[in-house]
Amino acid sequence: MSISLDDVPEAARTAWVRLRDELPLILRDDLVALWAHGGTTFPDRPRRSGDLDTYAIVDRAPDERTVRRIDEAHAEIARDNGVEWDAWYVLAGDARRRERPHHAFREGRRDESWGIERAHWHAGQYVSLHGRAPDEIVLAPTPAEIDLDLRGELDHLERHVAAGDDDSFEATYAMFNGSRILHALETGNVVISKRSAGAWALEHLPERWHAAIHAAGRAYDGEATPDDAEVLRITMAPFVAMVRTQMPTIRGG
């Protein structure tokens, strides 16, 4: 059972419906499937609007003119509805494989969360907008694929720490995604929202991390105070370092 389009916020629903209606006119029979997924599909999504995670499966790579029409459609819908897109277009042949797919028309881009995304889709955490369902196209991920994605997510967090990217946005991302990594490693379940991962962390992690997790929750909703920003800033690096120590301990790697 997937998520109903009626269960997402109005702005997201309107944007996704427009994209659902416009893409078949642009791609015609080359559009195999279109799915909405990500944080917006969870009931405990942030109060402020986030990116609309969207996945399109296409039979063949579009030419330059078609790409321009796709980009124009995204831009117009985003402008009219006050949303931002995080949209992927992947060739159907690539989507059927276990290897991480490349974007169909953005050179150099590869989906680094392929295993985790497939886990969400196979668990029904998506909205079907057009065409075939995910379980008709993509394979269920193996534990090794999930492990690879989790390690990649942690590497990503560590790169932000090394670069000094410790503003409220990046620190909130680190607190919640770090919590999701720990939850996944402990339970084997990667299908969880950021906010729920934070709630899990409050129950399972030492109190020294609680103030920053609470601050991340307020920042997630766009309600962070200057004190929250400071707590997040000073906690980000040690929290990510703690997550790193748990990776080999829990997985035995």
Protein backbone atom coordinates (compact mmCIF):
# COMPACT_ATOMS: atom_id res chain seq x y z
CA MET A 1 0.00 0.00 0.00
CA SER A 2 1.45 3.37 -1.04
CA ILE A 3 0.72 6.88 0.26
CA SER A 4 -2.35 8.69 -1.04
CA LEU A 5 -1.81 12.00 -2.81
CA ASP A 6 -4.59 13.35 -0.57
CA ASP A 7 -2.31 12.86 2.45
CA VAL A 8 0.38 15.37 1.39
CA PRO A 9 0.20 19.16 1.92
CA GLU A 10 -1.82 21.19 -0.54
CA ALA A 11 1.12 23.02 -2.14
CA ALA A 12 2.98 19.76 -2.69
CA ARG A 13 -0.14 18.04 -3.98
CA THR A 14 -0.85 20.84 -6.45
CA ALA A 15 2.76 20.85 -7.69
CA TRP A 16 2.91 17.08 -8.09
CA VAL A 17 -0.44 16.98 -9.89
CA ARG A 18 0.74 19.61 -12.36
CA LEU A 19 3.96 17.72 -12.99
CA ARG A 20 1.97 14.50 -13.39
CA ASP A 21 -0.19 16.21 -16.00
CA GLU A 22 2.60 17.99 -17.88
CA LEU A 23 5.33 15.36 -18.10
CA PRO A 24 3.32 12.92 -20.27
CA LEU A 25 2.77 15.77 -22.73
CA ILE A 26 6.52 16.36 -22.86
CA LEU A 27 7.87 12.81 -22.70
CA ARG A 28 4.89 10.97 -24.19
CA ASP A 29 5.38 7.20 -24.17
CA ASP A 30 8.94 7.58 -22.86
CA LEU A 31 7.59 8.30 -19.36
CA VAL A 32 7.40 4.90 -17.67
CA ALA A 33 6.67 5.98 -14.09
CA LEU A 34 6.57 9.00 -11.80
CA TRP A 35 6.75 8.76 -7.99
CA ALA A 36 6.69 11.30 -5.17
CA HIS A 37 8.66 10.31 -2.08
CA GLY A 38 10.79 11.73 0.72
CA GLY A 39 9.98 13.69 3.85
CA THR A 40 6.86 15.35 2.44
CA THR A 41 5.13 11.96 2.28
CA PHE A 42 5.56 11.28 6.03
CA PRO A 43 2.87 12.43 8.51
CA ASP A 44 5.51 14.10 10.75
CA ARG A 45 6.98 16.20 7.94
CA PRO A 46 8.39 19.66 8.79
CA ARG A 47 6.00 22.57 9.21
CA ARG A 48 7.99 24.54 6.66
CA SER A 49 8.00 23.26 3.11
CA GLY A 50 10.96 21.16 2.04
CA ASP A 51 12.15 19.98 -1.36
CA LEU A 52 9.72 17.79 -3.27
CA ASP A 53 11.57 14.52 -3.83
CA THR A 54 10.42 13.15 -7.16
CA TYR A 55 11.54 10.19 -9.27
CA ALA A 56 10.80 9.76 -12.97
CA ILE A 57 11.62 6.58 -14.88
CA VAL A 58 12.07 7.12 -18.63
CA ASP A 59 12.63 4.70 -21.49
CA ARG A 60 15.31 6.79 -23.20
CA ALA A 61 17.38 9.88 -22.52
CA PRO A 62 15.56 13.03 -23.68
CA ASP A 63 17.14 15.30 -26.26
CA GLU A 64 18.16 18.89 -25.50
CA ARG A 65 14.83 20.38 -26.53
CA THR A 66 12.93 17.96 -24.32
CA VAL A 67 15.24 18.65 -21.39
CA ARG A 68 14.55 22.38 -21.77
CA ARG A 69 10.82 21.70 -21.67
CA ILE A 70 11.22 19.57 -18.55
CA ASP A 71 13.30 22.26 -16.84
CA GLU A 72 10.78 24.94 -17.80
CA ALA A 73 7.92 22.87 -16.41
CA HIS A 74 9.73 22.37 -13.10
CA ALA A 75 10.60 26.06 -12.85
CA GLU A 76 7.08 27.26 -13.64
CA ILE A 77 5.42 24.87 -11.21
CA ALA A 78 7.92 25.76 -8.47
CA ARG A 79 7.35 29.48 -9.00
CA ASP A 80 3.56 29.18 -9.01
CA ASN A 81 3.39 27.01 -5.89
CA GLY A 82 6.34 28.22 -3.80
CA VAL A 83 8.07 24.84 -3.81
CA GLU A 84 11.51 23.49 -4.66
CA TRP A 85 12.25 20.29 -6.51
CA ASP A 86 14.69 17.48 -5.90
CA ALA A 87 13.82 15.55 -9.04
CA TRP A 88 15.60 12.58 -10.58
CA TYR A 89 15.16 11.17 -14.08
CA VAL A 90 16.56 7.67 -14.55
CA LEU A 91 16.55 5.32 -17.52
CA ALA A 92 14.30 2.29 -17.06
CA GLY A 93 17.13 -0.07 -17.94
CA ASP A 94 19.28 1.43 -15.19
CA ALA A 95 16.41 1.40 -12.67
CA ARG A 96 16.14 -2.38 -13.02
CA ARG A 97 19.73 -2.90 -11.92
CA ARG A 98 21.32 -2.94 -8.48
CA GLU A 99 24.09 -0.55 -9.49
CA ARG A 100 23.53 3.07 -8.57
CA PRO A 101 21.99 4.76 -11.61
CA HIS A 102 23.16 7.94 -13.26
CA HIS A 103 20.79 10.79 -13.97
CA ALA A 104 19.31 10.47 -17.44
CA PHE A 105 20.40 13.95 -18.54
CA ARG A 106 22.52 15.56 -15.79
CA GLU A 107 26.08 14.57 -16.59
CA GLY A 108 28.10 13.35 -13.65
CA ARG A 109 25.19 12.83 -11.27
CA ARG A 110 24.68 9.41 -9.73
CA ASP A 111 22.08 8.40 -7.15
CA GLU A 112 24.10 7.71 -4.00
CA SER A 113 21.02 6.68 -1.96
CA TRP A 114 19.74 4.08 -4.38
CA GLY A 115 19.47 1.25 -1.87
CA ILE A 116 17.75 3.34 0.80
CA GLU A 117 15.30 4.81 -1.68
CA ARG A 118 14.38 1.36 -2.96
CA ALA A 119 13.78 0.24 0.62
CA HIS A 120 11.33 3.13 1.09
CA TRP A 121 9.52 2.35 -2.16
CA HIS A 122 9.22 -1.36 -1.43
CA ALA A 123 7.79 -0.45 2.00
CA GLY A 124 5.12 1.71 0.30
CA GLN A 125 6.61 5.07 1.33
CA TYR A 126 5.83 6.86 -1.92
CA VAL A 127 2.97 8.38 -3.90
CA SER A 128 2.34 6.86 -7.32
CA LEU A 129 1.75 9.72 -9.76
CA HIS A 130 1.98 7.98 -13.13
CA GLY A 131 2.65 4.62 -14.67
CA ARG A 132 4.11 1.56 -13.06
CA ALA A 133 4.68 1.02 -9.35
CA PRO A 134 8.24 0.82 -7.98
CA ASP A 135 8.04 -2.87 -7.12
CA GLU A 136 7.35 -3.59 -10.79
CA ILE A 137 10.64 -1.97 -11.79
CA VAL A 138 13.22 -1.73 -9.00
CA LEU A 139 14.72 -4.58 -7.00
CA ALA A 140 14.47 -4.75 -3.22
CA PRO A 141 17.84 -3.73 -1.75
CA THR A 142 20.21 -6.16 -0.07
CA PRO A 143 21.66 -5.51 3.41
CA ALA A 144 25.03 -4.85 1.77
CA GLU A 145 23.51 -2.14 -0.44
CA ILE A 146 21.87 -0.48 2.57
CA ASP A 147 25.15 -0.64 4.46
CA LEU A 148 26.95 1.03 1.56
CA ASP A 149 24.40 3.85 1.44
CA LEU A 150 24.55 4.42 5.20
CA ARG A 151 28.32 4.67 5.09
CA GLY A 152 28.02 7.08 2.19
CA GLU A 153 25.60 9.26 4.17
CA LEU A 154 28.04 9.35 7.08
CA ASP A 155 30.90 10.25 4.74
CA HIS A 156 28.73 13.12 3.47
CA LEU A 157 28.16 14.41 7.01
CA GLU A 158 31.86 14.20 7.78
CA ARG A 159 32.71 16.24 4.68
CA HIS A 160 30.45 19.03 5.93
CA VAL A 161 32.11 18.91 9.34
CA ALA A 162 35.56 19.08 7.74
CA ALA A 163 34.47 22.05 5.62
CA GLY A 164 33.13 23.92 8.65
CA ASP A 165 29.53 23.85 7.37
CA ASP A 166 27.90 24.13 10.78
CA ASP A 167 25.01 26.54 10.19
CA SER A 168 21.58 25.55 11.52
CA PHE A 169 20.50 23.91 8.28
CA GLU A 170 23.54 21.66 7.92
CA ALA A 171 23.72 20.92 11.65
CA THR A 172 20.04 19.93 11.74
CA TYR A 173 20.63 17.68 8.74
CA ALA A 174 23.57 16.11 10.57
CA MET A 175 21.64 15.55 13.81
CA PHE A 176 18.61 14.00 12.15
CA ASN A 177 20.44 12.04 9.46
CA GLY A 178 22.97 10.85 12.00
CA SER A 179 20.05 9.68 14.13
CA ARG A 180 18.56 7.89 11.11
CA ILE A 181 21.87 6.13 10.53
CA LEU A 182 22.02 4.97 14.15
CA HIS A 183 18.39 3.85 14.06
CA ALA A 184 19.00 1.89 10.87
CA LEU A 185 22.13 0.25 12.22
CA GLU A 186 20.40 -0.70 15.46
CA THR A 187 17.07 -1.91 14.06
CA GLY A 188 17.81 -2.81 10.45
CA ASN A 189 15.02 -0.47 9.34
CA VAL A 190 15.86 2.50 7.11
CA VAL A 191 12.24 3.50 6.44
CA ILE A 192 11.86 6.28 8.97
CA SER A 193 11.39 10.04 8.76
CA LYS A 194 13.97 12.49 10.02
CA ARG A 195 11.73 13.67 12.87
CA SER A 196 10.94 10.12 13.96
CA ALA A 197 14.65 9.32 13.90
CA GLY A 198 15.20 12.28 16.20
CA ALA A 199 12.49 11.01 18.55
CA TRP A 200 14.12 7.58 18.54
CA ALA A 201 17.47 9.18 19.38
CA LEU A 202 15.95 10.99 22.37
CA GLU A 203 14.89 7.61 23.74
CA HIS A 204 18.10 5.73 23.01
CA LEU A 205 21.03 8.17 23.12
CA PRO A 206 22.64 9.72 26.22
CA GLU A 207 21.26 13.00 27.55
CA ARG A 208 24.28 14.96 26.35
CA TRP A 209 22.78 14.91 22.84
CA HIS A 210 19.20 15.78 23.76
CA ALA A 211 19.45 19.59 23.71
CA ALA A 212 20.81 19.54 20.16
CA ILE A 213 18.17 17.06 18.99
CA HIS A 214 15.42 19.27 20.42
CA ALA A 215 17.05 22.28 18.75
CA ALA A 216 17.16 20.37 15.46
CA GLY A 217 13.43 19.76 15.74
CA ARG A 218 12.75 23.49 16.06
CA ALA A 219 15.14 24.30 13.23
CA TYR A 220 13.46 21.64 11.08
CA ASP A 221 10.24 23.63 11.42
CA GLY A 222 11.95 26.97 10.79
CA GLU A 223 11.57 28.02 14.44
CA ALA A 224 15.17 27.88 15.71
CA THR A 225 16.32 30.53 18.18
CA PRO A 226 19.86 31.97 18.28
CA ASP A 227 20.52 29.67 21.25
CA ASP A 228 19.36 26.70 19.19
CA ALA A 229 21.72 27.69 16.39
CA GLU A 230 24.65 27.82 18.81
CA VAL A 231 23.80 24.46 20.39
CA LEU A 232 23.59 22.90 16.94
CA ARG A 233 26.86 24.50 15.86
CA ILE A 234 28.90 23.21 18.77
CA THR A 235 27.28 19.75 18.80
CA MET A 236 27.43 18.89 15.10
CA ALA A 237 31.05 17.74 14.94
CA PRO A 238 31.12 15.60 18.11
CA PHE A 239 27.76 14.05 17.23
CA VAL A 240 28.94 13.01 13.77
CA ALA A 241 32.14 11.66 15.33
CA MET A 242 30.02 9.60 17.75
CA VAL A 243 28.00 8.17 14.87
CA ARG A 244 31.26 7.12 13.20
CA THR A 245 32.31 5.18 16.31
CA GLN A 246 29.02 3.27 16.22
CA MET A 247 29.26 2.23 12.59
CA PRO A 248 31.89 -0.52 12.96
CA THR A 249 30.68 -1.47 16.46
CA ILE A 250 27.11 -2.22 15.39
CA ARG A 251 27.81 -3.59 11.92
CA GLY A 252 30.93 -5.47 12.83
CA GLY A 253 32.76 -3.82 9.92
